[in-house]
Amino acid sequence: DPRPEVSARSAAWYHTLMGWLLSEPEVRLFNRHMSQVAMNKPATLVFARQCGLRIPPTQVTNEAGRLNNDSPESLVAKPVLGGDYCYSFADAMAKTDLRSGLAAMPAIVQRRLSAPEVRIYVIGSSDFAFEVRSSSLDYRVNQDAELILLHDVPQEISPLRKLMSKMGLDFGAADFKTDPDTGELVFLELNTSPMFARFNEVSQGQLCAAMLDELAMLFRRP
């Protein structure tokens, strides 16, 4: 339902319930001690690099002229705040009004990466990896992704866990794409409340089982 009042009501109920959960320390809750860094995409990229993850060449800017030395075909753009899709740089510019070469808001502009795309879930002590196959730049646009549960979690799990520990996270999903020159996985972003229903279906319930197991752990302790 796109009506603003529906969104406002949902947000009010969410914050009310979350306020109760956060004020009850005996209730087991994912990401209870989450750092503010985890909610900021540019800062997360900096922390990811510090923890040993590869990140794409990135600029956070509202100045189109700063990118003149780069081929538009080699770049993508995404909102700093999230909440929208990743676009080719040309498509992003086509929908942006510039005044004296400046946009009203900054964007994250990065080098365009290639397939395969990999999503790694971390759920407490458990982790799962999926290959995401899609012909779209951002598979959420056309909902055309094929998901494949990987037998082995990529080696990026080690620095990813280091990053999540640094940000106070015990639950999340990180998205990676591939450097077309080296074939190495490159970190894109970390979702602290990732969608998981379809991934759980592909894993035959392993994601939800791990979530329930982690949340119920408190009641099994002596």
C-alpha atoms as a PDB file:
ATOM      1  CA  ASP A   1       0.000   0.000   0.000  1.00  0.00           C
ATOM      2  CA  PRO A   2       1.826   3.167  -1.178  1.00  0.00           C
ATOM      3  CA  ARG A   3      -0.175   5.645   0.914  1.00  0.00           C
ATOM      4  CA  PRO A   4       2.097   7.753   3.194  1.00  0.00           C
ATOM      5  CA  GLU A   5      -0.240   7.302   6.163  1.00  0.00           C
ATOM      6  CA  VAL A   6       0.145   3.504   5.927  1.00  0.00           C
ATOM      7  CA  SER A   7       3.927   3.826   5.993  1.00  0.00           C
ATOM      8  CA  ALA A   8       3.701   6.200   8.965  1.00  0.00           C
ATOM      9  CA  ARG A   9       1.491   3.767  10.919  1.00  0.00           C
ATOM     10  CA  SER A  10       3.821   0.859  10.172  1.00  0.00           C
ATOM     11  CA  ALA A  11       6.850   2.877  11.295  1.00  0.00           C
ATOM     12  CA  ALA A  12       5.092   3.876  14.520  1.00  0.00           C
ATOM     13  CA  TRP A  13       4.271   0.256  15.412  1.00  0.00           C
ATOM     14  CA  TYR A  14       7.768  -0.890  14.478  1.00  0.00           C
ATOM     15  CA  HIS A  15       9.463   1.708  16.694  1.00  0.00           C
ATOM     16  CA  THR A  16       7.067   0.996  19.541  1.00  0.00           C
ATOM     17  CA  LEU A  17       7.783  -2.735  19.502  1.00  0.00           C
ATOM     18  CA  MET A  18      11.504  -2.212  18.915  1.00  0.00           C
ATOM     19  CA  GLY A  19      11.592   0.207  21.840  1.00  0.00           C
ATOM     20  CA  TRP A  20      10.174  -2.496  24.097  1.00  0.00           C
ATOM     21  CA  LEU A  21      12.623  -5.099  22.795  1.00  0.00           C
ATOM     22  CA  LEU A  22      15.638  -2.822  23.255  1.00  0.00           C
ATOM     23  CA  SER A  23      14.569  -1.956  26.793  1.00  0.00           C
ATOM     24  CA  GLU A  24      14.254  -5.629  27.803  1.00  0.00           C
ATOM     25  CA  PRO A  25      17.820  -7.011  27.966  1.00  0.00           C
ATOM     26  CA  GLU A  26      16.590 -10.531  28.769  1.00  0.00           C
ATOM     27  CA  VAL A  27      14.897 -10.809  25.358  1.00  0.00           C
ATOM     28  CA  ARG A  28      17.330 -12.299  22.876  1.00  0.00           C
ATOM     29  CA  LEU A  29      17.574  -9.983  19.882  1.00  0.00           C
ATOM     30  CA  PHE A  30      19.780  -9.894  16.802  1.00  0.00           C
ATOM     31  CA  ASN A  31      22.152  -6.925  16.525  1.00  0.00           C
ATOM     32  CA  ARG A  32      21.237  -5.524  19.939  1.00  0.00           C
ATOM     33  CA  HIS A  33      24.613  -3.761  20.218  1.00  0.00           C
ATOM     34  CA  MET A  34      24.797  -2.554  16.624  1.00  0.00           C
ATOM     35  CA  SER A  35      27.086   0.401  15.963  1.00  0.00           C
ATOM     36  CA  GLN A  36      25.848   3.469  14.088  1.00  0.00           C
ATOM     37  CA  VAL A  37      28.535   2.696  11.508  1.00  0.00           C
ATOM     38  CA  ALA A  38      26.488  -0.300  10.340  1.00  0.00           C
ATOM     39  CA  MET A  39      23.719   2.047   9.179  1.00  0.00           C
ATOM     40  CA  ASN A  40      26.037   4.244   7.118  1.00  0.00           C
ATOM     41  CA  LYS A  41      27.064   2.869   3.717  1.00  0.00           C
ATOM     42  CA  PRO A  42      30.159   5.045   3.102  1.00  0.00           C
ATOM     43  CA  ALA A  43      31.524   4.377   6.600  1.00  0.00           C
ATOM     44  CA  THR A  44      30.863   0.652   6.219  1.00  0.00           C
ATOM     45  CA  LEU A  45      32.969   0.608   3.049  1.00  0.00           C
ATOM     46  CA  VAL A  46      35.878   2.221   4.913  1.00  0.00           C
ATOM     47  CA  PHE A  47      35.592  -0.248   7.796  1.00  0.00           C
ATOM     48  CA  ALA A  48      35.315  -3.163   5.352  1.00  0.00           C
ATOM     49  CA  ARG A  49      38.602  -2.195   3.714  1.00  0.00           C
ATOM     50  CA  GLN A  50      40.244  -1.847   7.129  1.00  0.00           C
ATOM     51  CA  CYS A  51      39.115  -5.386   7.977  1.00  0.00           C
ATOM     52  CA  GLY A  52      40.675  -6.845   4.833  1.00  0.00           C
ATOM     53  CA  LEU A  53      37.781  -6.920   2.378  1.00  0.00           C
ATOM     54  CA  ARG A  54      38.278  -5.672  -1.166  1.00  0.00           C
ATOM     55  CA  ILE A  55      36.014  -2.752  -2.109  1.00  0.00           C
ATOM     56  CA  PRO A  56      35.492  -1.177  -5.549  1.00  0.00           C
ATOM     57  CA  PRO A  57      36.992   2.212  -6.412  1.00  0.00           C
ATOM     58  CA  THR A  58      34.412   4.536  -4.884  1.00  0.00           C
ATOM     59  CA  GLN A  59      33.521   8.203  -4.850  1.00  0.00           C
ATOM     60  CA  VAL A  60      30.784   9.822  -2.774  1.00  0.00           C
ATOM     61  CA  THR A  61      29.991  13.031  -4.604  1.00  0.00           C
ATOM     62  CA  ASN A  62      27.354  15.308  -6.108  1.00  0.00           C
ATOM     63  CA  GLU A  63      29.811  16.754  -8.665  1.00  0.00           C
ATOM     64  CA  ALA A  64      29.344  15.175 -12.077  1.00  0.00           C
ATOM     65  CA  GLY A  65      32.531  16.856 -13.284  1.00  0.00           C
ATOM     66  CA  ARG A  66      34.675  14.849 -10.874  1.00  0.00           C
ATOM     67  CA  LEU A  67      33.975  11.759 -12.970  1.00  0.00           C
ATOM     68  CA  ASN A  68      35.029  13.092 -16.368  1.00  0.00           C
ATOM     69  CA  ASN A  69      38.108  10.878 -16.467  1.00  0.00           C
ATOM     70  CA  ASP A  70      36.008   7.720 -16.150  1.00  0.00           C
ATOM     71  CA  SER A  71      33.983   6.065 -18.882  1.00  0.00           C
ATOM     72  CA  PRO A  72      30.261   6.269 -17.988  1.00  0.00           C
ATOM     73  CA  GLU A  73      29.874   2.640 -19.091  1.00  0.00           C
ATOM     74  CA  SER A  74      32.325   1.562 -16.405  1.00  0.00           C
ATOM     75  CA  LEU A  75      30.448   3.205 -13.516  1.00  0.00           C
ATOM     76  CA  VAL A  76      27.335   2.619 -11.446  1.00  0.00           C
ATOM     77  CA  ALA A  77      25.557   4.907  -8.997  1.00  0.00           C
ATOM     78  CA  LYS A  78      23.474   4.207  -5.910  1.00  0.00           C
ATOM     79  CA  PRO A  79      21.925   6.390  -3.190  1.00  0.00           C
ATOM     80  CA  VAL A  80      23.985   7.103  -0.079  1.00  0.00           C
ATOM     81  CA  LEU A  81      20.955   6.406   2.120  1.00  0.00           C
ATOM     82  CA  GLY A  82      19.862   3.234   0.322  1.00  0.00           C
ATOM     83  CA  GLY A  83      16.195   2.672  -0.381  1.00  0.00           C
ATOM     84  CA  ASP A  84      16.606   2.627  -4.163  1.00  0.00           C
ATOM     85  CA  TYR A  85      18.241   0.491  -6.837  1.00  0.00           C
ATOM     86  CA  CYS A  86      21.732   0.500  -8.279  1.00  0.00           C
ATOM     87  CA  TYR A  87      21.742   2.203 -11.703  1.00  0.00           C
ATOM     88  CA  SER A  88      24.204   2.547 -14.518  1.00  0.00           C
ATOM     89  CA  PHE A  89      25.860   5.942 -14.309  1.00  0.00           C
ATOM     90  CA  ALA A  90      24.164   7.036 -17.541  1.00  0.00           C
ATOM     91  CA  ASP A  91      20.707   6.093 -16.224  1.00  0.00           C
ATOM     92  CA  ALA A  92      21.395   7.814 -12.905  1.00  0.00           C
ATOM     93  CA  MET A  93      22.448  11.003 -14.670  1.00  0.00           C
ATOM     94  CA  ALA A  94      19.363  10.904 -16.904  1.00  0.00           C
ATOM     95  CA  LYS A  95      17.092  11.122 -13.841  1.00  0.00           C
ATOM     96  CA  THR A  96      19.168  13.717 -11.967  1.00  0.00           C
ATOM     97  CA  ASP A  97      18.673  17.466 -12.203  1.00  0.00           C
ATOM     98  CA  LEU A  98      21.981  19.334 -12.135  1.00  0.00           C
ATOM     99  CA  ARG A  99      22.549  22.965 -11.259  1.00  0.00           C
ATOM    100  CA  SER A 100      25.939  24.282 -12.309  1.00  0.00           C
ATOM    101  CA  GLY A 101      27.090  20.670 -12.556  1.00  0.00           C
ATOM    102  CA  LEU A 102      25.920  19.803  -9.043  1.00  0.00           C
ATOM    103  CA  ALA A 103      23.200  17.400  -7.924  1.00  0.00           C
ATOM    104  CA  ALA A 104      21.055  18.203  -4.909  1.00  0.00           C
ATOM    105  CA  MET A 105      22.270  15.055  -3.135  1.00  0.00           C
ATOM    106  CA  PRO A 106      25.513  13.069  -3.168  1.00  0.00           C
ATOM    107  CA  ALA A 107      25.549   9.514  -4.481  1.00  0.00           C
ATOM    108  CA  ILE A 108      27.861   6.548  -4.204  1.00  0.00           C
ATOM    109  CA  VAL A 109      29.601   6.107  -7.565  1.00  0.00           C
ATOM    110  CA  GLN A 110      31.612   2.930  -8.070  1.00  0.00           C
ATOM    111  CA  ARG A 111      33.326   0.887 -10.711  1.00  0.00           C
ATOM    112  CA  ARG A 112      30.933  -1.524 -12.381  1.00  0.00           C
ATOM    113  CA  LEU A 113      31.621  -5.130 -11.394  1.00  0.00           C
ATOM    114  CA  SER A 114      30.533  -8.381 -13.001  1.00  0.00           C
ATOM    115  CA  ALA A 115      29.010 -11.776 -12.250  1.00  0.00           C
ATOM    116  CA  PRO A 116      29.026 -13.921 -10.268  1.00  0.00           C
ATOM    117  CA  GLU A 117      27.283 -12.075  -7.457  1.00  0.00           C
ATOM    118  CA  VAL A 118      27.447 -13.696  -4.036  1.00  0.00           C
ATOM    119  CA  ARG A 119      25.473 -13.041  -0.859  1.00  0.00           C
ATOM    120  CA  ILE A 120      26.891 -14.300   2.431  1.00  0.00           C
ATOM    121  CA  TYR A 121      24.608 -14.626   5.459  1.00  0.00           C
ATOM    122  CA  VAL A 122      26.072 -14.616   8.965  1.00  0.00           C
ATOM    123  CA  ILE A 123      23.703 -15.847  11.674  1.00  0.00           C
ATOM    124  CA  GLY A 124      25.563 -16.088  14.954  1.00  0.00           C
ATOM    125  CA  SER A 125      28.063 -18.920  14.566  1.00  0.00           C
ATOM    126  CA  SER A 126      26.504 -20.111  11.291  1.00  0.00           C
ATOM    127  CA  ASP A 127      27.140 -18.810   7.790  1.00  0.00           C
ATOM    128  CA  PHE A 128      25.692 -19.515   4.352  1.00  0.00           C
ATOM    129  CA  ALA A 129      26.592 -18.341   0.857  1.00  0.00           C
ATOM    130  CA  PHE A 130      24.445 -18.050  -2.264  1.00  0.00           C
ATOM    131  CA  GLU A 131      25.290 -17.258  -5.837  1.00  0.00           C
ATOM    132  CA  VAL A 132      22.814 -14.795  -7.324  1.00  0.00           C
ATOM    133  CA  ARG A 133      22.470 -15.176 -11.087  1.00  0.00           C
ATOM    134  CA  SER A 134      20.725 -12.379 -12.956  1.00  0.00           C
ATOM    135  CA  SER A 135      20.994 -10.547 -16.272  1.00  0.00           C
ATOM    136  CA  SER A 136      20.029  -7.291 -14.523  1.00  0.00           C
ATOM    137  CA  LEU A 137      22.439  -4.797 -13.014  1.00  0.00           C
ATOM    138  CA  ASP A 138      20.270  -4.889  -9.875  1.00  0.00           C
ATOM    139  CA  TYR A 139      18.198  -8.080  -9.718  1.00  0.00           C
ATOM    140  CA  ARG A 140      15.607  -6.425  -7.485  1.00  0.00           C
ATOM    141  CA  VAL A 141      14.370  -4.339 -10.433  1.00  0.00           C
ATOM    142  CA  ASN A 142      13.053  -7.268 -12.484  1.00  0.00           C
ATOM    143  CA  GLN A 143      13.018  -9.934  -9.768  1.00  0.00           C
ATOM    144  CA  ASP A 144      14.804 -12.223 -12.210  1.00  0.00           C
ATOM    145  CA  ALA A 145      17.421 -13.757  -9.938  1.00  0.00           C
ATOM    146  CA  GLU A 146      18.255 -17.437  -9.761  1.00  0.00           C
ATOM    147  CA  LEU A 147      19.611 -18.384  -6.338  1.00  0.00           C
ATOM    148  CA  ILE A 148      22.066 -21.218  -5.781  1.00  0.00           C
ATOM    149  CA  LEU A 149      23.177 -22.364  -2.330  1.00  0.00           C
ATOM    150  CA  LEU A 150      26.953 -22.770  -2.417  1.00  0.00           C
ATOM    151  CA  HIS A 151      28.550 -25.819  -0.855  1.00  0.00           C
ATOM    152  CA  ASP A 152      31.488 -23.776   0.471  1.00  0.00           C
ATOM    153  CA  VAL A 153      31.372 -20.288   1.930  1.00  0.00           C
ATOM    154  CA  PRO A 154      34.008 -18.062   0.234  1.00  0.00           C
ATOM    155  CA  GLN A 155      37.140 -17.111   2.128  1.00  0.00           C
ATOM    156  CA  GLU A 156      35.786 -13.568   2.510  1.00  0.00           C
ATOM    157  CA  ILE A 157      33.825 -14.905   5.480  1.00  0.00           C
ATOM    158  CA  SER A 158      36.813 -14.339   7.769  1.00  0.00           C
ATOM    159  CA  PRO A 159      37.242 -10.573   7.188  1.00  0.00           C
ATOM    160  CA  LEU A 160      33.451 -10.243   6.991  1.00  0.00           C
ATOM    161  CA  ARG A 161      33.102 -11.676  10.496  1.00  0.00           C
ATOM    162  CA  LYS A 162      35.822  -9.286  11.646  1.00  0.00           C
ATOM    163  CA  LEU A 163      33.846  -6.387  10.157  1.00  0.00           C
ATOM    164  CA  MET A 164      30.589  -7.504  11.764  1.00  0.00           C
ATOM    165  CA  SER A 165      32.249  -7.933  15.148  1.00  0.00           C
ATOM    166  CA  LYS A 166      33.683  -4.434  14.859  1.00  0.00           C
ATOM    167  CA  MET A 167      30.191  -3.074  14.215  1.00  0.00           C
ATOM    168  CA  GLY A 168      28.451  -5.082  16.952  1.00  0.00           C
ATOM    169  CA  LEU A 169      26.515  -7.350  14.570  1.00  0.00           C
ATOM    170  CA  ASP A 170      25.612 -11.003  15.033  1.00  0.00           C
ATOM    171  CA  PHE A 171      23.215 -11.135  12.074  1.00  0.00           C
ATOM    172  CA  GLY A 172      23.454  -9.774   8.548  1.00  0.00           C
ATOM    173  CA  ALA A 173      24.048 -10.470   4.876  1.00  0.00           C
ATOM    174  CA  ALA A 174      26.867  -9.055   2.780  1.00  0.00           C
ATOM    175  CA  ASP A 175      26.707  -8.626  -0.984  1.00  0.00           C
ATOM    176  CA  PHE A 176      29.710  -9.181  -3.237  1.00  0.00           C
ATOM    177  CA  LYS A 177      30.342  -8.989  -6.966  1.00  0.00           C
ATOM    178  CA  THR A 178      33.355 -10.034  -9.008  1.00  0.00           C
ATOM    179  CA  ASP A 179      36.268  -7.921 -10.195  1.00  0.00           C
ATOM    180  CA  PRO A 180      36.287  -8.567 -13.974  1.00  0.00           C
ATOM    181  CA  ASP A 181      40.086  -8.239 -14.090  1.00  0.00           C
ATOM    182  CA  THR A 182      41.104 -10.453 -11.169  1.00  0.00           C
ATOM    183  CA  GLY A 183      38.069 -12.707 -10.618  1.00  0.00           C
ATOM    184  CA  GLU A 184      38.142 -11.837  -6.911  1.00  0.00           C
ATOM    185  CA  LEU A 185      35.045 -11.079  -4.871  1.00  0.00           C
ATOM    186  CA  VAL A 186      34.567  -7.409  -4.028  1.00  0.00           C
ATOM    187  CA  PHE A 187      32.475  -6.203  -1.085  1.00  0.00           C
ATOM    188  CA  LEU A 188      29.501  -3.970  -1.912  1.00  0.00           C
ATOM    189  CA  GLU A 189      27.434  -3.558   1.233  1.00  0.00           C
ATOM    190  CA  LEU A 190      26.260  -5.145   4.458  1.00  0.00           C
ATOM    191  CA  ASN A 191      22.542  -5.478   5.208  1.00  0.00           C
ATOM    192  CA  THR A 192      21.641  -5.529   8.896  1.00  0.00           C
ATOM    193  CA  SER A 193      18.029  -6.613   8.267  1.00  0.00           C
ATOM    194  CA  PRO A 194      18.350  -8.638   5.075  1.00  0.00           C
ATOM    195  CA  MET A 195      15.428 -10.209   3.251  1.00  0.00           C
ATOM    196  CA  PHE A 196      15.732 -13.954   3.620  1.00  0.00           C
ATOM    197  CA  ALA A 197      12.452 -15.677   2.677  1.00  0.00           C
ATOM    198  CA  ARG A 198      13.483 -16.750  -0.814  1.00  0.00           C
ATOM    199  CA  PHE A 199      17.030 -17.551   0.263  1.00  0.00           C
ATOM    200  CA  ASN A 200      15.600 -19.656   3.069  1.00  0.00           C
ATOM    201  CA  GLU A 201      13.422 -21.525   0.582  1.00  0.00           C
ATOM    202  CA  VAL A 202      16.423 -22.303  -1.622  1.00  0.00           C
ATOM    203  CA  SER A 203      18.360 -23.508   1.426  1.00  0.00           C
ATOM    204  CA  GLN A 204      15.414 -25.772   2.372  1.00  0.00           C
ATOM    205  CA  GLY A 205      14.874 -23.959   5.647  1.00  0.00           C
ATOM    206  CA  GLN A 206      18.480 -23.778   6.823  1.00  0.00           C
ATOM    207  CA  LEU A 207      18.468 -19.997   7.289  1.00  0.00           C
ATOM    208  CA  CYS A 208      15.379 -19.927   9.515  1.00  0.00           C
ATOM    209  CA  ALA A 209      16.600 -22.963  11.422  1.00  0.00           C
ATOM    210  CA  ALA A 210      19.875 -21.171  12.176  1.00  0.00           C
ATOM    211  CA  MET A 211      18.003 -18.010  13.213  1.00  0.00           C
ATOM    212  CA  LEU A 212      15.730 -19.928  15.563  1.00  0.00           C
ATOM    213  CA  ASP A 213      18.648 -21.898  16.942  1.00  0.00           C
ATOM    214  CA  GLU A 214      20.594 -18.714  17.651  1.00  0.00           C
ATOM    215  CA  LEU A 215      17.648 -16.907  19.250  1.00  0.00           C
ATOM    216  CA  ALA A 216      16.744 -19.933  21.374  1.00  0.00           C
ATOM    217  CA  MET A 217      20.318 -20.434  22.569  1.00  0.00           C
ATOM    218  CA  LEU A 218      19.670 -18.436  25.743  1.00  0.00           C
ATOM    219  CA  PHE A 219      17.066 -20.928  26.920  1.00  0.00           C
ATOM    220  CA  ARG A 220      19.410 -23.908  26.478  1.00  0.00           C
ATOM    221  CA  ARG A 221      22.163 -22.490  28.641  1.00  0.00           C
ATOM    222  CA  PRO A 222      22.440 -23.964  32.126  1.00  0.00           C
END
